[in-house]
N, C-alpha and C. Protein backbone atom coordinates (compact mmCIF):
# COMPACT_ATOMS: atom_id res chain seq x y z
N MET A 1 -9.21 2.65 -11.96
CA MET A 1 -8.80 1.67 -11.00
C MET A 1 -9.97 1.19 -10.15
N PHE A 2 -10.89 2.03 -9.79
CA PHE A 2 -11.97 1.65 -8.90
C PHE A 2 -13.30 1.60 -9.63
N GLY A 3 -13.31 0.97 -10.79
CA GLY A 3 -14.51 0.89 -11.61
C GLY A 3 -15.76 0.54 -10.84
N LYS A 4 -16.19 -0.68 -10.92
CA LYS A 4 -17.44 -1.12 -10.30
C LYS A 4 -17.23 -1.31 -8.79
N LYS A 5 -18.11 -0.70 -8.01
CA LYS A 5 -17.99 -0.81 -6.55
C LYS A 5 -18.64 -2.07 -6.05
N LYS A 6 -18.08 -2.63 -5.02
CA LYS A 6 -18.61 -3.81 -4.38
C LYS A 6 -19.05 -3.41 -2.98
N LYS A 7 -20.08 -4.05 -2.45
CA LYS A 7 -20.62 -3.64 -1.16
C LYS A 7 -19.73 -4.00 0.00
N GLU A 8 -18.90 -5.02 -0.13
CA GLU A 8 -18.02 -5.37 0.98
C GLU A 8 -16.62 -5.64 0.46
N ILE A 9 -15.68 -5.45 1.33
CA ILE A 9 -14.30 -5.70 0.97
C ILE A 9 -13.91 -7.04 1.56
N ASP A 10 -13.42 -7.91 0.69
CA ASP A 10 -12.92 -9.20 1.14
C ASP A 10 -11.65 -9.51 0.36
N GLU A 11 -11.04 -10.64 0.66
CA GLU A 11 -9.78 -10.98 0.00
C GLU A 11 -9.94 -11.09 -1.51
N ASP A 12 -11.05 -11.65 -1.97
CA ASP A 12 -11.26 -11.79 -3.41
C ASP A 12 -11.34 -10.43 -4.10
N PHE A 13 -12.05 -9.48 -3.49
CA PHE A 13 -12.13 -8.13 -4.03
C PHE A 13 -10.73 -7.52 -4.16
N VAL A 14 -9.94 -7.63 -3.08
CA VAL A 14 -8.61 -7.04 -3.08
C VAL A 14 -7.73 -7.72 -4.13
N LYS A 15 -7.73 -9.04 -4.20
CA LYS A 15 -6.91 -9.75 -5.20
C LYS A 15 -7.31 -9.36 -6.62
N THR A 16 -8.61 -9.28 -6.87
CA THR A 16 -9.08 -8.91 -8.20
C THR A 16 -8.62 -7.51 -8.58
N GLU A 17 -8.74 -6.57 -7.65
CA GLU A 17 -8.32 -5.20 -7.94
C GLU A 17 -6.80 -5.09 -8.11
N ILE A 18 -6.05 -5.89 -7.37
CA ILE A 18 -4.59 -5.88 -7.49
C ILE A 18 -4.17 -6.27 -8.90
N THR A 19 -4.88 -7.24 -9.49
CA THR A 19 -4.51 -7.69 -10.84
C THR A 19 -4.71 -6.60 -11.89
N LYS A 20 -5.43 -5.55 -11.57
CA LYS A 20 -5.68 -4.45 -12.51
C LYS A 20 -4.60 -3.36 -12.45
N ILE A 21 -3.71 -3.45 -11.47
CA ILE A 21 -2.67 -2.44 -11.29
C ILE A 21 -1.62 -2.57 -12.38
N ASP A 22 -1.18 -1.44 -12.91
CA ASP A 22 -0.10 -1.45 -13.90
C ASP A 22 0.99 -0.45 -13.48
N ASP A 23 2.00 -0.33 -14.30
CA ASP A 23 3.14 0.52 -13.95
C ASP A 23 2.73 1.98 -13.79
N ASP A 24 1.74 2.43 -14.55
CA ASP A 24 1.26 3.81 -14.40
C ASP A 24 0.69 4.04 -13.00
N ASP A 25 0.00 3.03 -12.46
CA ASP A 25 -0.53 3.14 -11.10
C ASP A 25 0.60 3.25 -10.08
N VAL A 26 1.68 2.53 -10.31
CA VAL A 26 2.83 2.62 -9.40
C VAL A 26 3.43 4.03 -9.47
N LYS A 27 3.52 4.58 -10.66
CA LYS A 27 4.02 5.96 -10.81
C LYS A 27 3.12 6.95 -10.08
N ILE A 28 1.81 6.78 -10.21
CA ILE A 28 0.87 7.67 -9.52
C ILE A 28 1.05 7.54 -8.01
N THR A 29 1.22 6.32 -7.55
CA THR A 29 1.43 6.08 -6.11
C THR A 29 2.66 6.84 -5.63
N MET A 30 3.75 6.73 -6.36
CA MET A 30 4.99 7.40 -5.95
C MET A 30 4.84 8.92 -6.00
N ARG A 31 4.13 9.44 -6.99
CA ARG A 31 3.93 10.89 -7.08
C ARG A 31 3.10 11.42 -5.91
N ASN A 32 2.28 10.56 -5.34
CA ASN A 32 1.39 10.97 -4.25
C ASN A 32 1.84 10.46 -2.89
N GLN A 33 3.10 10.06 -2.79
CA GLN A 33 3.61 9.48 -1.54
C GLN A 33 3.37 10.39 -0.34
N GLU A 34 3.67 11.65 -0.46
CA GLU A 34 3.52 12.56 0.67
C GLU A 34 2.06 12.67 1.12
N GLU A 35 1.15 12.81 0.17
CA GLU A 35 -0.27 12.92 0.51
C GLU A 35 -0.79 11.64 1.16
N ILE A 36 -0.38 10.49 0.62
CA ILE A 36 -0.81 9.20 1.18
C ILE A 36 -0.24 9.04 2.59
N SER A 37 1.05 9.35 2.76
CA SER A 37 1.68 9.23 4.08
C SER A 37 1.00 10.14 5.09
N ASP A 38 0.68 11.36 4.68
CA ASP A 38 -0.01 12.29 5.58
C ASP A 38 -1.38 11.74 5.98
N LYS A 39 -2.07 11.16 5.04
CA LYS A 39 -3.40 10.61 5.33
C LYS A 39 -3.30 9.46 6.33
N ILE A 40 -2.29 8.63 6.18
CA ILE A 40 -2.09 7.51 7.11
C ILE A 40 -1.78 8.04 8.51
N VAL A 41 -0.85 8.97 8.59
CA VAL A 41 -0.43 9.52 9.89
C VAL A 41 -1.57 10.26 10.59
N ASN A 42 -2.39 10.95 9.83
CA ASN A 42 -3.44 11.77 10.42
C ASN A 42 -4.76 11.04 10.66
N SER A 43 -4.81 9.77 10.33
CA SER A 43 -6.02 8.98 10.58
C SER A 43 -5.78 8.11 11.81
N ASN A 44 -6.65 8.21 12.78
CA ASN A 44 -6.50 7.39 13.98
C ASN A 44 -6.48 5.90 13.66
N MET A 45 -7.30 5.48 12.70
CA MET A 45 -7.37 4.06 12.36
C MET A 45 -6.12 3.55 11.64
N LEU A 46 -5.50 4.39 10.84
CA LEU A 46 -4.37 3.95 10.02
C LEU A 46 -3.01 4.30 10.61
N LYS A 47 -3.00 5.14 11.62
CA LYS A 47 -1.74 5.66 12.18
C LYS A 47 -0.74 4.57 12.55
N LYS A 48 -1.24 3.42 13.04
CA LYS A 48 -0.33 2.36 13.46
C LYS A 48 0.43 1.76 12.28
N TYR A 49 0.01 2.06 11.05
CA TYR A 49 0.69 1.56 9.86
C TYR A 49 1.67 2.57 9.26
N ALA A 50 1.91 3.67 9.93
CA ALA A 50 2.76 4.73 9.37
C ALA A 50 4.17 4.24 9.06
N GLU A 51 4.78 3.56 10.00
CA GLU A 51 6.15 3.08 9.76
C GLU A 51 6.19 2.01 8.69
N LEU A 52 5.20 1.14 8.70
CA LEU A 52 5.12 0.09 7.68
C LEU A 52 4.90 0.73 6.31
N GLY A 53 4.13 1.80 6.27
CA GLY A 53 3.93 2.52 5.01
C GLY A 53 5.24 3.06 4.47
N LYS A 54 6.10 3.56 5.35
CA LYS A 54 7.42 4.05 4.91
C LYS A 54 8.23 2.93 4.29
N ILE A 55 8.16 1.76 4.91
CA ILE A 55 8.90 0.61 4.38
C ILE A 55 8.35 0.21 3.01
N MET A 56 7.04 0.20 2.88
CA MET A 56 6.43 -0.17 1.60
C MET A 56 6.78 0.84 0.51
N PHE A 57 6.78 2.14 0.84
CA PHE A 57 7.21 3.14 -0.14
C PHE A 57 8.69 2.98 -0.46
N GLY A 58 9.49 2.61 0.53
CA GLY A 58 10.91 2.35 0.28
C GLY A 58 11.09 1.21 -0.70
N MET A 59 10.29 0.16 -0.55
CA MET A 59 10.37 -0.97 -1.48
C MET A 59 9.98 -0.53 -2.89
N LEU A 60 8.91 0.25 -3.01
CA LEU A 60 8.51 0.74 -4.33
C LEU A 60 9.63 1.58 -4.95
N LYS A 61 10.21 2.45 -4.15
CA LYS A 61 11.27 3.33 -4.64
C LYS A 61 12.47 2.50 -5.12
N ASP A 62 12.90 1.53 -4.30
CA ASP A 62 14.05 0.70 -4.68
C ASP A 62 13.73 -0.17 -5.89
N TYR A 63 12.51 -0.63 -6.00
CA TYR A 63 12.09 -1.41 -7.16
C TYR A 63 12.14 -0.54 -8.42
N ARG A 64 11.58 0.65 -8.34
CA ARG A 64 11.54 1.54 -9.51
C ARG A 64 12.94 2.00 -9.93
N ARG A 65 13.84 2.14 -8.96
CA ARG A 65 15.23 2.52 -9.28
C ARG A 65 16.01 1.34 -9.84
N GLY A 66 15.46 0.13 -9.71
CA GLY A 66 16.12 -1.06 -10.23
C GLY A 66 17.16 -1.65 -9.29
N VAL A 67 17.19 -1.19 -8.05
CA VAL A 67 18.19 -1.72 -7.11
C VAL A 67 17.64 -2.89 -6.29
N TYR A 68 16.34 -3.04 -6.23
CA TYR A 68 15.73 -4.18 -5.55
C TYR A 68 14.81 -4.87 -6.54
N THR A 69 15.26 -6.01 -7.03
CA THR A 69 14.50 -6.70 -8.08
C THR A 69 13.95 -8.05 -7.65
N LYS A 70 14.28 -8.49 -6.45
CA LYS A 70 13.82 -9.80 -5.97
C LYS A 70 12.43 -9.69 -5.36
N VAL A 71 11.52 -9.13 -6.11
CA VAL A 71 10.16 -8.94 -5.61
C VAL A 71 9.18 -9.23 -6.74
N PRO A 72 8.17 -10.05 -6.45
CA PRO A 72 7.18 -10.32 -7.50
C PRO A 72 6.32 -9.10 -7.82
N TRP A 73 5.86 -9.02 -9.06
CA TRP A 73 5.01 -7.91 -9.47
C TRP A 73 3.77 -7.83 -8.58
N PHE A 74 3.23 -8.97 -8.16
CA PHE A 74 2.04 -8.98 -7.31
C PHE A 74 2.26 -8.16 -6.04
N THR A 75 3.46 -8.21 -5.49
CA THR A 75 3.77 -7.45 -4.27
C THR A 75 3.79 -5.95 -4.57
N ILE A 76 4.43 -5.58 -5.66
CA ILE A 76 4.48 -4.16 -6.06
C ILE A 76 3.06 -3.67 -6.33
N ALA A 77 2.27 -4.47 -7.03
CA ALA A 77 0.89 -4.09 -7.34
C ALA A 77 0.04 -4.00 -6.07
N THR A 78 0.29 -4.89 -5.12
CA THR A 78 -0.45 -4.86 -3.86
C THR A 78 -0.19 -3.57 -3.09
N ILE A 79 1.07 -3.18 -3.03
CA ILE A 79 1.42 -1.93 -2.33
C ILE A 79 0.77 -0.75 -3.05
N ALA A 80 0.89 -0.70 -4.36
CA ALA A 80 0.31 0.41 -5.12
C ALA A 80 -1.21 0.45 -4.94
N PHE A 81 -1.86 -0.70 -5.03
CA PHE A 81 -3.32 -0.73 -4.86
C PHE A 81 -3.72 -0.23 -3.48
N ALA A 82 -3.07 -0.75 -2.44
CA ALA A 82 -3.42 -0.35 -1.07
C ALA A 82 -3.23 1.15 -0.87
N MET A 83 -2.12 1.68 -1.35
CA MET A 83 -1.84 3.10 -1.17
C MET A 83 -2.80 3.97 -1.98
N LEU A 84 -3.11 3.57 -3.20
CA LEU A 84 -4.06 4.33 -4.00
C LEU A 84 -5.47 4.25 -3.43
N TYR A 85 -5.80 3.12 -2.84
CA TYR A 85 -7.10 2.99 -2.20
C TYR A 85 -7.20 3.95 -1.02
N ILE A 86 -6.14 4.03 -0.24
CA ILE A 86 -6.11 4.96 0.89
C ILE A 86 -6.21 6.40 0.40
N LEU A 87 -5.56 6.71 -0.70
CA LEU A 87 -5.58 8.06 -1.26
C LEU A 87 -6.97 8.47 -1.72
N ASN A 88 -7.74 7.53 -2.24
CA ASN A 88 -9.05 7.82 -2.81
C ASN A 88 -10.06 8.13 -1.69
N PRO A 89 -10.54 9.38 -1.59
CA PRO A 89 -11.48 9.71 -0.51
C PRO A 89 -12.90 9.19 -0.75
N LEU A 90 -13.21 8.81 -1.98
CA LEU A 90 -14.56 8.36 -2.31
C LEU A 90 -14.58 6.88 -2.66
N ASP A 91 -13.94 6.07 -1.83
CA ASP A 91 -13.92 4.64 -2.05
C ASP A 91 -15.21 4.02 -1.54
N ILE A 92 -15.22 2.75 -1.23
CA ILE A 92 -16.47 2.08 -0.85
C ILE A 92 -17.15 2.74 0.34
N VAL A 93 -16.38 3.07 1.38
CA VAL A 93 -16.92 3.86 2.49
C VAL A 93 -16.17 5.19 2.45
N PRO A 94 -16.81 6.26 2.02
CA PRO A 94 -16.12 7.55 1.89
C PRO A 94 -15.41 7.96 3.20
N ASP A 95 -14.21 8.47 3.06
CA ASP A 95 -13.38 8.80 4.21
C ASP A 95 -14.00 9.86 5.12
N PHE A 96 -14.87 10.69 4.57
CA PHE A 96 -15.45 11.76 5.39
C PHE A 96 -16.60 11.29 6.29
N VAL A 97 -16.98 10.01 6.20
CA VAL A 97 -18.04 9.48 7.06
C VAL A 97 -17.47 9.32 8.47
N PRO A 98 -17.96 10.08 9.44
CA PRO A 98 -17.38 10.06 10.80
C PRO A 98 -17.41 8.66 11.43
N GLY A 99 -16.29 8.30 12.01
CA GLY A 99 -16.20 7.06 12.75
C GLY A 99 -15.92 5.82 11.93
N ILE A 100 -16.43 5.75 10.70
CA ILE A 100 -16.25 4.53 9.91
C ILE A 100 -15.60 4.76 8.55
N GLY A 101 -15.26 5.99 8.25
CA GLY A 101 -14.74 6.34 6.93
C GLY A 101 -13.47 5.65 6.53
N TYR A 102 -12.70 5.20 7.49
CA TYR A 102 -11.42 4.56 7.16
C TYR A 102 -11.45 3.05 7.36
N ILE A 103 -12.60 2.48 7.69
CA ILE A 103 -12.68 1.04 7.92
C ILE A 103 -12.30 0.26 6.66
N ASP A 104 -12.80 0.68 5.50
CA ASP A 104 -12.46 -0.03 4.27
C ASP A 104 -10.99 0.14 3.92
N ASP A 105 -10.43 1.32 4.17
CA ASP A 105 -9.00 1.54 3.93
C ASP A 105 -8.18 0.58 4.79
N LEU A 106 -8.57 0.46 6.04
CA LEU A 106 -7.90 -0.45 6.97
C LEU A 106 -8.02 -1.89 6.49
N ALA A 107 -9.19 -2.28 6.00
CA ALA A 107 -9.39 -3.65 5.51
C ALA A 107 -8.50 -3.93 4.30
N VAL A 108 -8.46 -3.01 3.36
CA VAL A 108 -7.63 -3.20 2.16
C VAL A 108 -6.16 -3.31 2.55
N LEU A 109 -5.71 -2.44 3.43
CA LEU A 109 -4.32 -2.46 3.87
C LEU A 109 -4.01 -3.76 4.60
N THR A 110 -4.90 -4.21 5.45
CA THR A 110 -4.70 -5.44 6.21
C THR A 110 -4.64 -6.66 5.29
N PHE A 111 -5.58 -6.77 4.35
CA PHE A 111 -5.54 -7.89 3.41
C PHE A 111 -4.27 -7.84 2.57
N GLY A 112 -3.93 -6.66 2.09
CA GLY A 112 -2.72 -6.53 1.29
C GLY A 112 -1.48 -6.95 2.04
N LEU A 113 -1.37 -6.52 3.28
CA LEU A 113 -0.20 -6.90 4.09
C LEU A 113 -0.14 -8.40 4.32
N ARG A 114 -1.29 -9.00 4.47
CA ARG A 114 -1.33 -10.45 4.65
C ARG A 114 -0.76 -11.16 3.42
N PHE A 115 -1.05 -10.63 2.23
CA PHE A 115 -0.57 -11.24 0.99
C PHE A 115 0.94 -11.11 0.82
N ILE A 116 1.53 -10.00 1.32
CA ILE A 116 2.93 -9.68 0.99
C ILE A 116 3.86 -9.68 2.20
N GLU A 117 3.42 -10.19 3.32
CA GLU A 117 4.21 -10.14 4.54
C GLU A 117 5.61 -10.71 4.37
N SER A 118 5.73 -11.87 3.74
CA SER A 118 7.06 -12.48 3.59
C SER A 118 7.95 -11.64 2.67
N ASP A 119 7.35 -11.00 1.66
CA ASP A 119 8.15 -10.14 0.77
C ASP A 119 8.66 -8.89 1.49
N ILE A 120 7.89 -8.38 2.43
CA ILE A 120 8.35 -7.24 3.23
C ILE A 120 9.52 -7.67 4.11
N HIS A 121 9.42 -8.85 4.71
CA HIS A 121 10.53 -9.36 5.52
C HIS A 121 11.78 -9.56 4.66
N ASN A 122 11.59 -10.12 3.46
CA ASN A 122 12.73 -10.31 2.55
C ASN A 122 13.37 -8.97 2.18
N TYR A 123 12.54 -7.97 1.95
CA TYR A 123 13.05 -6.63 1.62
C TYR A 123 13.86 -6.06 2.78
N LEU A 124 13.33 -6.17 3.98
CA LEU A 124 14.06 -5.66 5.15
C LEU A 124 15.38 -6.40 5.34
N ASP A 125 15.39 -7.71 5.13
CA ASP A 125 16.64 -8.48 5.20
C ASP A 125 17.63 -7.97 4.16
N TRP A 126 17.14 -7.74 2.95
CA TRP A 126 17.99 -7.24 1.87
C TRP A 126 18.58 -5.88 2.24
N LYS A 127 17.74 -4.99 2.81
CA LYS A 127 18.24 -3.67 3.21
C LYS A 127 19.35 -3.80 4.25
N LEU A 128 19.16 -4.68 5.21
CA LEU A 128 20.17 -4.87 6.25
C LEU A 128 21.45 -5.47 5.68
N GLU A 129 21.33 -6.42 4.77
CA GLU A 129 22.49 -7.02 4.12
C GLU A 129 23.31 -5.99 3.35
N HIS A 130 22.65 -5.01 2.81
CA HIS A 130 23.32 -3.97 2.02
C HIS A 130 23.67 -2.74 2.84
N GLY A 131 23.48 -2.84 4.14
CA GLY A 131 23.86 -1.74 5.03
C GLY A 131 22.99 -0.50 4.88
N ASP A 132 21.83 -0.66 4.29
CA ASP A 132 20.94 0.47 4.08
C ASP A 132 19.79 0.37 5.09
N THR A 133 19.83 1.22 6.08
CA THR A 133 18.78 1.20 7.10
C THR A 133 17.78 2.33 6.88
N THR A 134 17.84 2.97 5.71
CA THR A 134 16.85 3.98 5.36
C THR A 134 15.49 3.32 5.27
N ASP A 135 14.48 3.95 5.75
CA ASP A 135 13.10 3.44 5.71
C ASP A 135 12.87 2.23 6.61
N ILE A 136 13.83 1.90 7.47
CA ILE A 136 13.64 0.78 8.40
C ILE A 136 13.33 1.35 9.75
N VAL A 137 12.29 0.80 10.37
CA VAL A 137 11.84 1.27 11.68
C VAL A 137 12.90 1.01 12.71
């Protein structure tokens, strides 16, 4: 998934990497949900995205179960890419670098959210319509 490294993270980098995501990557994301969630919660830079992360994992779960299908593959791939990027400790800026280790994770998550914001709102509306408030802040 993280073949050739690029020196900076921008929207083009994120879009290009998202197109490489496949169903196996989504499965890996779901298998590592707890570890990814813990990493988000325990990082000062990413902590503010903890609740949004729960919603995104909820969308992946409902998509994989086949109960939420009104979502483009690009959105599913964006969530999987962002979460797998966060999981990877040796990404463009290694997570163990004090003070700046999570800057690239934050950038990837921010760009990804910008791409899929309306789909997240649609998902939350769908959850409310179906009386399912699980994973809703």
